[in-house]
Amino acid sequence: MVLIGPKCSLLVRRDLHAAIQYRLLEAAVEIHSPPSMIRNAGEFPAPEPVDLPLSSYALEFYKTGTPFLLRHLPFRLAVLLAQPVVWLIPVIVILFPVFRVAPAVYDWFERRRVYRLYAELRHLEEEMFSAAPSQNRKDFIDRLDQLKDRASKLSVPTQFKPLTYSLRLHIDMVRQEAERAPLN
């Protein structure tokens, strides 16, 4: 039997929160989607504007369904996270100190690479002064040359090049001292 009747509309105020609109649409779909004796399955609710325009949230609901946050999180948490100001402020509070400290950490990391070679040079120099008389001078100079090669091949940004140049000069100074003075 065909019945004639007016279309039903689910109306909300314009200032109703989007999350509540989604919940109302979910409830309407759950309750009214199954077929009954006066309608087929899926006829109500449907994205058909009758007299008033459809809400942008309702259009989105009919296209893609419930938003991800509302589907997977508790309602209050989803509403909270959906507001950008709520999560943007803590992100800025966390990132601001990170961005302030990042250049200092980067400088420290690059200088540390050069200073490790300086530590090896200092160790070699101490070894030169406390070496046994039987230690081979050529072996010691070869180790200094290997250290200088590593310092020459060390790839650092331009602002740290003076550190590598001074390291190579210091290696040369220790090498000259090793060549002049006999190893004791």
N, C-alpha and C. Protein backbone atom coordinates (compact mmCIF):
# COMPACT_ATOMS: atom_id res chain seq x y z
N MET A 1 0.85 -1.16 0.00
CA MET A 1 0.00 0.00 0.00
C MET A 1 0.90 1.23 0.00
N VAL A 2 0.66 2.15 -0.87
CA VAL A 2 1.43 3.38 -0.96
C VAL A 2 0.74 4.43 -0.11
N LEU A 3 1.55 5.04 0.79
CA LEU A 3 1.02 6.11 1.64
C LEU A 3 1.62 7.43 1.22
N ILE A 4 0.89 8.46 1.36
CA ILE A 4 1.39 9.79 1.05
C ILE A 4 1.52 10.53 2.38
N GLY A 5 2.69 11.15 2.55
CA GLY A 5 2.91 11.87 3.80
C GLY A 5 4.05 12.87 3.62
N PRO A 6 4.14 13.82 4.50
CA PRO A 6 5.22 14.81 4.38
C PRO A 6 6.57 14.20 4.78
N LYS A 7 7.62 14.79 4.26
CA LYS A 7 8.98 14.37 4.65
C LYS A 7 9.26 14.87 6.05
N CYS A 8 9.97 14.07 6.82
CA CYS A 8 10.38 14.46 8.17
C CYS A 8 11.78 15.04 8.10
N SER A 9 12.04 16.03 8.89
CA SER A 9 13.37 16.63 8.94
C SER A 9 13.85 16.66 10.37
N LEU A 10 15.13 16.46 10.51
CA LEU A 10 15.78 16.57 11.81
C LEU A 10 16.46 17.93 11.82
N LEU A 11 15.97 18.86 12.62
CA LEU A 11 16.47 20.23 12.63
C LEU A 11 17.30 20.49 13.87
N VAL A 12 18.37 21.27 13.71
CA VAL A 12 19.20 21.69 14.84
C VAL A 12 19.49 23.18 14.69
N ARG A 13 19.82 23.79 15.79
CA ARG A 13 20.20 25.20 15.75
C ARG A 13 21.59 25.34 15.12
N ARG A 14 21.86 26.49 14.55
CA ARG A 14 23.16 26.72 13.90
C ARG A 14 24.32 26.66 14.87
N ASP A 15 24.11 27.06 16.11
CA ASP A 15 25.21 27.11 17.07
C ASP A 15 25.37 25.82 17.87
N LEU A 16 24.67 24.76 17.49
CA LEU A 16 24.83 23.47 18.17
C LEU A 16 26.20 22.89 17.82
N HIS A 17 26.90 22.44 18.82
CA HIS A 17 28.27 21.94 18.62
C HIS A 17 28.28 20.77 17.63
N ALA A 18 29.34 20.73 16.81
CA ALA A 18 29.45 19.71 15.76
C ALA A 18 29.42 18.31 16.32
N ALA A 19 30.08 18.07 17.44
CA ALA A 19 30.12 16.73 18.02
C ALA A 19 28.72 16.27 18.43
N ILE A 20 27.91 17.18 18.94
CA ILE A 20 26.55 16.82 19.32
C ILE A 20 25.72 16.53 18.07
N GLN A 21 25.96 17.29 17.01
CA GLN A 21 25.24 17.01 15.75
C GLN A 21 25.58 15.61 15.25
N TYR A 22 26.85 15.23 15.33
CA TYR A 22 27.24 13.90 14.90
C TYR A 22 26.55 12.83 15.75
N ARG A 23 26.50 13.06 17.06
CA ARG A 23 25.86 12.08 17.95
C ARG A 23 24.36 11.96 17.63
N LEU A 24 23.70 13.10 17.34
CA LEU A 24 22.28 13.04 16.98
C LEU A 24 22.08 12.27 15.69
N LEU A 25 22.94 12.51 14.71
CA LEU A 25 22.83 11.78 13.44
C LEU A 25 23.08 10.29 13.64
N GLU A 26 24.07 9.94 14.47
CA GLU A 26 24.33 8.52 14.75
C GLU A 26 23.10 7.87 15.40
N ALA A 27 22.50 8.56 16.36
CA ALA A 27 21.32 8.02 17.04
C ALA A 27 20.16 7.89 16.06
N ALA A 28 19.98 8.87 15.19
CA ALA A 28 18.89 8.81 14.21
C ALA A 28 19.10 7.65 13.25
N VAL A 29 20.32 7.46 12.80
CA VAL A 29 20.61 6.35 11.89
C VAL A 29 20.37 5.02 12.59
N GLU A 30 20.83 4.91 13.83
CA GLU A 30 20.67 3.66 14.57
C GLU A 30 19.20 3.33 14.81
N ILE A 31 18.43 4.33 15.14
CA ILE A 31 17.03 4.09 15.49
C ILE A 31 16.14 3.97 14.25
N HIS A 32 16.35 4.84 13.24
CA HIS A 32 15.41 4.94 12.13
C HIS A 32 15.86 4.29 10.83
N SER A 33 17.06 3.75 10.76
CA SER A 33 17.52 3.13 9.52
C SER A 33 16.84 1.81 9.18
N PRO A 34 16.53 0.97 10.15
CA PRO A 34 15.89 -0.30 9.78
C PRO A 34 14.53 -0.05 9.10
N PRO A 35 14.14 -0.97 8.23
CA PRO A 35 12.84 -0.78 7.54
C PRO A 35 11.67 -0.93 8.51
N SER A 36 10.62 -0.27 8.17
CA SER A 36 9.38 -0.40 8.95
C SER A 36 8.23 -0.47 7.95
N MET A 37 7.00 -0.48 8.44
CA MET A 37 5.88 -0.62 7.51
C MET A 37 5.61 0.67 6.73
N ILE A 38 6.20 1.79 7.14
CA ILE A 38 5.96 3.02 6.38
C ILE A 38 7.19 3.53 5.65
N ARG A 39 8.31 2.83 5.76
CA ARG A 39 9.51 3.28 5.04
C ARG A 39 10.43 2.10 4.75
N ASN A 40 11.23 2.26 3.72
CA ASN A 40 12.23 1.26 3.36
C ASN A 40 13.50 1.51 4.18
N ALA A 41 14.41 0.54 4.17
CA ALA A 41 15.67 0.67 4.93
C ALA A 41 16.50 1.82 4.36
N GLY A 42 17.04 2.65 5.25
CA GLY A 42 17.93 3.74 4.86
C GLY A 42 17.26 4.97 4.31
N GLU A 43 15.91 5.05 4.34
CA GLU A 43 15.22 6.24 3.84
C GLU A 43 15.32 7.42 4.80
N PHE A 44 15.36 7.14 6.08
CA PHE A 44 15.47 8.22 7.07
C PHE A 44 16.51 7.82 8.09
N PRO A 45 17.35 8.64 8.50
CA PRO A 45 17.62 9.98 7.98
C PRO A 45 18.38 9.90 6.66
N ALA A 46 18.16 10.87 5.82
CA ALA A 46 18.81 10.91 4.51
C ALA A 46 19.24 12.35 4.22
N PRO A 47 20.26 12.53 3.41
CA PRO A 47 20.76 13.89 3.13
C PRO A 47 19.91 14.61 2.09
N GLU A 48 18.65 14.79 2.38
CA GLU A 48 17.75 15.48 1.46
C GLU A 48 17.22 16.74 2.12
N PRO A 49 17.70 17.89 1.70
CA PRO A 49 17.15 19.12 2.27
C PRO A 49 15.73 19.36 1.73
N VAL A 50 14.82 19.63 2.62
CA VAL A 50 13.44 19.86 2.20
C VAL A 50 13.19 21.35 2.12
N ASP A 51 13.15 22.02 3.24
CA ASP A 51 12.90 23.46 3.25
C ASP A 51 14.15 24.25 3.67
N LEU A 52 14.96 23.65 4.51
CA LEU A 52 16.14 24.33 5.04
C LEU A 52 17.40 23.67 4.50
N PRO A 53 18.48 24.44 4.40
CA PRO A 53 19.73 23.84 3.90
C PRO A 53 20.28 22.83 4.91
N LEU A 54 21.01 21.87 4.39
CA LEU A 54 21.62 20.83 5.22
C LEU A 54 22.86 21.39 5.92
N SER A 55 23.04 21.02 7.16
CA SER A 55 24.22 21.44 7.92
C SER A 55 25.48 20.89 7.26
N SER A 56 26.56 21.65 7.32
CA SER A 56 27.83 21.17 6.73
C SER A 56 28.31 19.91 7.44
N TYR A 57 28.03 19.80 8.73
CA TYR A 57 28.42 18.60 9.48
C TYR A 57 27.59 17.40 9.05
N ALA A 58 26.30 17.65 8.76
CA ALA A 58 25.44 16.56 8.29
C ALA A 58 25.90 16.09 6.91
N LEU A 59 26.27 17.02 6.04
CA LEU A 59 26.80 16.64 4.72
C LEU A 59 28.05 15.78 4.87
N GLU A 60 28.94 16.20 5.76
CA GLU A 60 30.17 15.43 6.01
C GLU A 60 29.84 14.05 6.58
N PHE A 61 28.86 14.01 7.47
CA PHE A 61 28.46 12.73 8.07
C PHE A 61 27.96 11.76 7.00
N TYR A 62 27.15 12.26 6.07
CA TYR A 62 26.59 11.38 5.04
C TYR A 62 27.64 10.98 4.01
N LYS A 63 28.67 11.80 3.83
CA LYS A 63 29.73 11.46 2.86
C LYS A 63 30.73 10.47 3.46
N THR A 64 31.22 10.76 4.67
CA THR A 64 32.32 9.97 5.23
C THR A 64 31.99 9.25 6.53
N GLY A 65 30.87 9.53 7.10
CA GLY A 65 30.52 8.90 8.37
C GLY A 65 31.01 9.74 9.55
N THR A 66 31.00 9.14 10.70
CA THR A 66 31.43 9.82 11.93
C THR A 66 32.93 10.09 11.86
N PRO A 67 33.38 11.27 12.28
CA PRO A 67 34.81 11.56 12.27
C PRO A 67 35.61 10.56 13.11
N PHE A 68 36.87 10.41 12.75
CA PHE A 68 37.76 9.43 13.37
C PHE A 68 37.81 9.57 14.89
N LEU A 69 38.00 10.79 15.39
CA LEU A 69 38.13 10.99 16.84
C LEU A 69 36.86 10.55 17.58
N LEU A 70 35.69 10.89 17.03
CA LEU A 70 34.45 10.51 17.70
C LEU A 70 34.21 9.01 17.63
N ARG A 71 34.73 8.35 16.61
CA ARG A 71 34.55 6.90 16.49
C ARG A 71 35.43 6.15 17.48
N HIS A 72 36.65 6.66 17.74
CA HIS A 72 37.63 5.87 18.48
C HIS A 72 37.96 6.37 19.89
N LEU A 73 37.47 7.52 20.24
CA LEU A 73 37.78 8.06 21.56
C LEU A 73 36.48 8.34 22.32
N PRO A 74 36.57 8.42 23.64
CA PRO A 74 35.40 8.84 24.40
C PRO A 74 34.95 10.23 23.95
N PHE A 75 33.66 10.47 24.07
CA PHE A 75 33.06 11.70 23.54
C PHE A 75 33.77 12.96 24.04
N ARG A 76 33.97 13.08 25.35
CA ARG A 76 34.57 14.30 25.91
C ARG A 76 36.00 14.51 25.40
N LEU A 77 36.76 13.44 25.33
CA LEU A 77 38.13 13.55 24.84
C LEU A 77 38.16 13.92 23.36
N ALA A 78 37.27 13.34 22.57
CA ALA A 78 37.21 13.64 21.14
C ALA A 78 36.86 15.11 20.92
N VAL A 79 35.91 15.61 21.69
CA VAL A 79 35.53 17.02 21.56
C VAL A 79 36.69 17.92 21.96
N LEU A 80 37.40 17.55 23.00
CA LEU A 80 38.53 18.34 23.45
C LEU A 80 39.64 18.37 22.41
N LEU A 81 39.96 17.21 21.85
CA LEU A 81 41.03 17.15 20.87
C LEU A 81 40.65 17.77 19.53
N ALA A 82 39.38 17.88 19.26
CA ALA A 82 38.93 18.47 18.00
C ALA A 82 39.11 19.98 18.00
N GLN A 83 39.29 20.57 19.15
CA GLN A 83 39.48 22.02 19.22
C GLN A 83 40.97 22.32 19.12
N PRO A 84 41.39 22.96 18.04
CA PRO A 84 42.83 23.18 17.80
C PRO A 84 43.52 23.99 18.90
N VAL A 85 42.84 24.93 19.49
CA VAL A 85 43.47 25.76 20.51
C VAL A 85 43.89 24.90 21.70
N VAL A 86 43.09 23.89 22.01
CA VAL A 86 43.37 23.05 23.17
C VAL A 86 44.67 22.28 23.00
N TRP A 87 44.93 21.75 21.81
CA TRP A 87 46.16 20.96 21.63
C TRP A 87 47.28 21.79 21.04
N LEU A 88 46.97 22.93 20.43
CA LEU A 88 48.02 23.75 19.85
C LEU A 88 48.86 24.43 20.92
N ILE A 89 48.26 24.87 21.98
CA ILE A 89 49.00 25.55 23.05
C ILE A 89 50.02 24.61 23.71
N PRO A 90 49.66 23.39 24.12
CA PRO A 90 50.70 22.51 24.69
C PRO A 90 51.80 22.15 23.69
N VAL A 91 51.44 21.99 22.42
CA VAL A 91 52.47 21.70 21.42
C VAL A 91 53.46 22.85 21.32
N ILE A 92 52.97 24.06 21.31
CA ILE A 92 53.85 25.23 21.25
C ILE A 92 54.70 25.31 22.52
N VAL A 93 54.08 25.04 23.67
CA VAL A 93 54.82 25.10 24.94
C VAL A 93 55.95 24.07 24.94
N ILE A 94 55.72 22.92 24.33
CA ILE A 94 56.76 21.89 24.29
C ILE A 94 57.81 22.20 23.23
N LEU A 95 57.38 22.66 22.07
CA LEU A 95 58.32 22.88 20.97
C LEU A 95 59.18 24.13 21.14
N PHE A 96 58.69 25.15 21.83
CA PHE A 96 59.47 26.37 21.98
C PHE A 96 60.83 26.12 22.64
N PRO A 97 60.87 25.43 23.79
CA PRO A 97 62.20 25.16 24.37
C PRO A 97 63.05 24.25 23.50
N VAL A 98 62.41 23.32 22.81
CA VAL A 98 63.18 22.42 21.93
C VAL A 98 63.87 23.23 20.83
N PHE A 99 63.14 24.16 20.23
CA PHE A 99 63.74 24.97 19.17
C PHE A 99 64.80 25.93 19.71
N ARG A 100 64.68 26.32 20.96
CA ARG A 100 65.71 27.19 21.55
C ARG A 100 66.97 26.41 21.86
N VAL A 101 66.84 25.15 22.26
CA VAL A 101 67.98 24.34 22.65
C VAL A 101 68.63 23.65 21.46
N ALA A 102 67.88 23.45 20.39
CA ALA A 102 68.37 22.69 19.24
C ALA A 102 69.69 23.23 18.67
N PRO A 103 69.85 24.54 18.46
CA PRO A 103 71.13 25.02 17.93
C PRO A 103 72.31 24.73 18.87
N ALA A 104 72.10 24.86 20.17
CA ALA A 104 73.18 24.58 21.12
C ALA A 104 73.56 23.09 21.10
N VAL A 105 72.56 22.23 20.99
CA VAL A 105 72.83 20.80 20.92
C VAL A 105 73.57 20.46 19.64
N TYR A 106 73.16 21.09 18.55
CA TYR A 106 73.84 20.86 17.27
C TYR A 106 75.29 21.31 17.34
N ASP A 107 75.55 22.51 17.90
CA ASP A 107 76.93 22.99 18.07
C ASP A 107 77.74 22.03 18.93
N TRP A 108 77.16 21.59 20.02
CA TRP A 108 77.85 20.68 20.91
C TRP A 108 78.21 19.39 20.18
N PHE A 109 77.27 18.85 19.40
CA PHE A 109 77.50 17.60 18.69
C PHE A 109 78.65 17.76 17.68
N GLU A 110 78.65 18.84 16.93
CA GLU A 110 79.70 19.04 15.92
C GLU A 110 81.06 19.28 16.58
N ARG A 111 81.08 20.09 17.64
CA ARG A 111 82.35 20.33 18.34
C ARG A 111 82.87 19.04 18.97
N ARG A 112 81.97 18.23 19.46
CA ARG A 112 82.36 16.97 20.10
C ARG A 112 83.09 16.06 19.12
N ARG A 113 82.67 16.06 17.87
CA ARG A 113 83.34 15.24 16.86
C ARG A 113 84.80 15.66 16.70
N VAL A 114 85.05 16.97 16.72
CA VAL A 114 86.42 17.47 16.59
C VAL A 114 87.19 17.24 17.88
N TYR A 115 86.53 17.48 19.02
CA TYR A 115 87.22 17.35 20.31
C TYR A 115 87.59 15.91 20.64
N ARG A 116 86.89 14.95 20.05
CA ARG A 116 87.29 13.54 20.23
C ARG A 116 88.68 13.32 19.62
N LEU A 117 88.91 13.92 18.47
CA LEU A 117 90.23 13.81 17.85
C LEU A 117 91.28 14.55 18.67
N TYR A 118 90.88 15.68 19.26
CA TYR A 118 91.79 16.40 20.16
C TYR A 118 92.16 15.51 21.35
N ALA A 119 91.19 14.76 21.86
CA ALA A 119 91.47 13.88 23.00
C ALA A 119 92.47 12.80 22.59
N GLU A 120 92.34 12.29 21.38
CA GLU A 120 93.32 11.30 20.90
C GLU A 120 94.70 11.93 20.77
N LEU A 121 94.75 13.18 20.30
CA LEU A 121 96.03 13.88 20.16
C LEU A 121 96.67 14.07 21.54
N ARG A 122 95.88 14.47 22.51
CA ARG A 122 96.39 14.65 23.86
C ARG A 122 96.92 13.33 24.41
N HIS A 123 96.21 12.25 24.14
CA HIS A 123 96.66 10.93 24.59
C HIS A 123 97.99 10.57 23.93
N LEU A 124 98.11 10.83 22.64
CA LEU A 124 99.37 10.54 21.94
C LEU A 124 100.51 11.40 22.48
N GLU A 125 100.22 12.66 22.78
CA GLU A 125 101.25 13.55 23.31
C GLU A 125 101.71 13.08 24.69
N GLU A 126 100.77 12.68 25.54
CA GLU A 126 101.15 12.15 26.85
C GLU A 126 101.97 10.87 26.69
N GLU A 127 101.59 10.08 25.73
CA GLU A 127 102.32 8.84 25.45
C GLU A 127 103.73 9.15 24.97
N MET A 128 103.88 10.23 24.22
CA MET A 128 105.20 10.62 23.72
C MET A 128 106.13 10.98 24.89
N PHE A 129 105.61 11.68 25.87
CA PHE A 129 106.45 12.11 26.99
C PHE A 129 106.72 10.98 27.98
N SER A 130 105.82 10.02 28.04
CA SER A 130 106.03 8.94 29.01
C SER A 130 106.39 7.63 28.33
N ALA A 131 106.81 7.68 27.09
CA ALA A 131 107.11 6.45 26.35
C ALA A 131 108.41 5.83 26.83
N ALA A 132 108.49 4.52 26.70
CA ALA A 132 109.71 3.79 27.04
C ALA A 132 110.76 4.07 25.97
N PRO A 133 112.03 4.02 26.32
CA PRO A 133 113.08 4.32 25.34
C PRO A 133 113.06 3.38 24.14
N SER A 134 112.50 2.22 24.30
CA SER A 134 112.54 1.26 23.20
C SER A 134 111.42 1.48 22.18
N GLN A 135 110.51 2.41 22.46
CA GLN A 135 109.38 2.60 21.55
C GLN A 135 109.85 3.22 20.25
N ASN A 136 109.27 2.78 19.16
CA ASN A 136 109.68 3.20 17.84
C ASN A 136 109.10 4.57 17.52
N ARG A 137 109.97 5.52 17.13
CA ARG A 137 109.54 6.88 16.79
C ARG A 137 108.71 6.87 15.51
N LYS A 138 109.09 6.04 14.55
CA LYS A 138 108.36 5.99 13.28
C LYS A 138 106.92 5.54 13.51
N ASP A 139 106.70 4.58 14.38
CA ASP A 139 105.35 4.11 14.69
C ASP A 139 104.53 5.26 15.29
N PHE A 140 105.13 6.03 16.17
CA PHE A 140 104.45 7.15 16.80
C PHE A 140 104.08 8.21 15.76
N ILE A 141 105.01 8.52 14.87
CA ILE A 141 104.75 9.52 13.83
C ILE A 141 103.68 9.02 12.85
N ASP A 142 103.69 7.73 12.57
CA ASP A 142 102.65 7.15 11.70
C ASP A 142 101.26 7.30 12.33
N ARG A 143 101.18 7.10 13.62
CA ARG A 143 99.90 7.27 14.31
C ARG A 143 99.45 8.72 14.27
N LEU A 144 100.41 9.66 14.39
CA LEU A 144 100.05 11.08 14.26
C LEU A 144 99.57 11.40 12.85
N ASP A 145 100.21 10.80 11.84
CA ASP A 145 99.79 11.02 10.45
C ASP A 145 98.39 10.45 10.21
N GLN A 146 98.10 9.30 10.79
CA GLN A 146 96.75 8.72 10.66
C GLN A 146 95.71 9.63 11.30
N LEU A 147 96.06 10.19 12.45
CA LEU A 147 95.15 11.12 13.13
C LEU A 147 94.93 12.36 12.27
N LYS A 148 95.99 12.85 11.64
CA LYS A 148 95.87 14.03 10.78
C LYS A 148 95.00 13.71 9.56
N ASP A 149 95.14 12.52 9.00
CA ASP A 149 94.29 12.11 7.87
C ASP A 149 92.82 12.07 8.28
N ARG A 150 92.56 11.53 9.46
CA ARG A 150 91.17 11.49 9.94
C ARG A 150 90.63 12.90 10.15
N ALA A 151 91.48 13.79 10.66
CA ALA A 151 91.05 15.18 10.87
C ALA A 151 90.80 15.86 9.53
N SER A 152 91.61 15.55 8.52
CA SER A 152 91.44 16.17 7.19
C SER A 152 90.16 15.67 6.53
N LYS A 153 89.83 14.42 6.75
CA LYS A 153 88.64 13.83 6.12
C LYS A 153 87.36 14.08 6.91
N LEU A 154 87.49 14.67 8.08
CA LEU A 154 86.31 14.93 8.90
C LEU A 154 85.45 15.99 8.21
N SER A 155 84.22 15.63 7.94
CA SER A 155 83.30 16.53 7.26
C SER A 155 82.47 17.28 8.30
N VAL A 156 82.72 18.57 8.40
CA VAL A 156 81.99 19.42 9.34
C VAL A 156 81.46 20.63 8.60
N PRO A 157 80.41 21.27 9.12
CA PRO A 157 79.90 22.49 8.50
C PRO A 157 80.96 23.59 8.51
N THR A 158 80.78 24.57 7.67
CA THR A 158 81.77 25.64 7.47
C THR A 158 82.12 26.36 8.77
N GLN A 159 81.16 26.58 9.62
CA GLN A 159 81.45 27.32 10.85
C GLN A 159 82.37 26.56 11.79
N PHE A 160 82.53 25.25 11.59
CA PHE A 160 83.41 24.46 12.44
C PHE A 160 84.73 24.11 11.76
N LYS A 161 84.94 24.59 10.54
CA LYS A 161 86.20 24.34 9.83
C LYS A 161 87.42 24.88 10.59
N PRO A 162 87.33 26.07 11.20
CA PRO A 162 88.50 26.55 11.95
C PRO A 162 88.95 25.58 13.05
N LEU A 163 88.01 24.86 13.65
CA LEU A 163 88.39 23.87 14.67
C LEU A 163 89.22 22.75 14.06
N THR A 164 88.81 22.28 12.88
CA THR A 164 89.58 21.20 12.24
C THR A 164 90.94 21.71 11.78
N TYR A 165 90.99 22.96 11.29
CA TYR A 165 92.29 23.52 10.88
C TYR A 165 93.23 23.63 12.07
N SER A 166 92.72 24.13 13.19
CA SER A 166 93.59 24.25 14.36
C SER A 166 94.00 22.87 14.88
N LEU A 167 93.12 21.88 14.77
CA LEU A 167 93.48 20.52 15.16
C LEU A 167 94.63 20.01 14.30
N ARG A 168 94.54 20.25 13.00
CA ARG A 168 95.61 19.79 12.12
C ARG A 168 96.92 20.52 12.42
N LEU A 169 96.83 21.81 12.75
CA LEU A 169 98.04 22.55 13.14
C LEU A 169 98.64 21.98 14.43
N HIS A 170 97.80 21.67 15.39
CA HIS A 170 98.30 21.10 16.63
C HIS A 170 98.91 19.73 16.41
N ILE A 171 98.33 18.95 15.51
CA ILE A 171 98.92 17.64 15.20
C ILE A 171 100.31 17.84 14.59
N ASP A 172 100.43 18.83 13.70
CA ASP A 172 101.74 19.12 13.10
C ASP A 172 102.75 19.57 14.16
N MET A 173 102.28 20.36 15.13
CA MET A 173 103.19 20.81 16.20
C MET A 173 103.69 19.62 17.02
N VAL A 174 102.80 18.70 17.36
CA VAL A 174 103.20 17.52 18.13
C VAL A 174 104.14 16.66 17.28
N ARG A 175 103.87 16.58 15.99
CA ARG A 175 104.72 15.78 15.10
C ARG A 175 106.14 16.38 15.04
N GLN A 176 106.21 17.70 14.91
CA GLN A 176 107.53 18.36 14.88
C GLN A 176 108.28 18.13 16.19
N GLU A 177 107.55 18.23 17.28
CA GLU A 177 108.18 18.01 18.59
C GLU A 177 108.66 16.57 18.73
N ALA A 178 107.89 15.64 18.17
CA ALA A 178 108.27 14.23 18.23
C ALA A 178 109.50 13.98 17.37
N GLU A 179 109.61 14.67 16.25
CA GLU A 179 110.77 14.49 15.36
C GLU A 179 112.04 15.11 15.97
N ARG A 180 111.88 16.22 16.71
CA ARG A 180 113.04 16.90 17.32
C ARG A 180 113.56 16.18 18.56
N ALA A 181 112.63 15.84 19.42
CA ALA A 181 113.05 15.26 20.70
C ALA A 181 113.05 13.73 20.60
N PRO A 182 114.06 13.12 21.17
CA PRO A 182 114.06 11.65 21.18
C PRO A 182 113.01 11.15 22.17
N LEU A 183 112.45 10.03 21.82
CA LEU A 183 111.46 9.42 22.73
C LEU A 183 112.18 8.80 23.91
N ASN A 184 111.74 9.10 25.11
CA ASN A 184 112.37 8.57 26.33
C ASN A 184 111.63 7.37 26.82
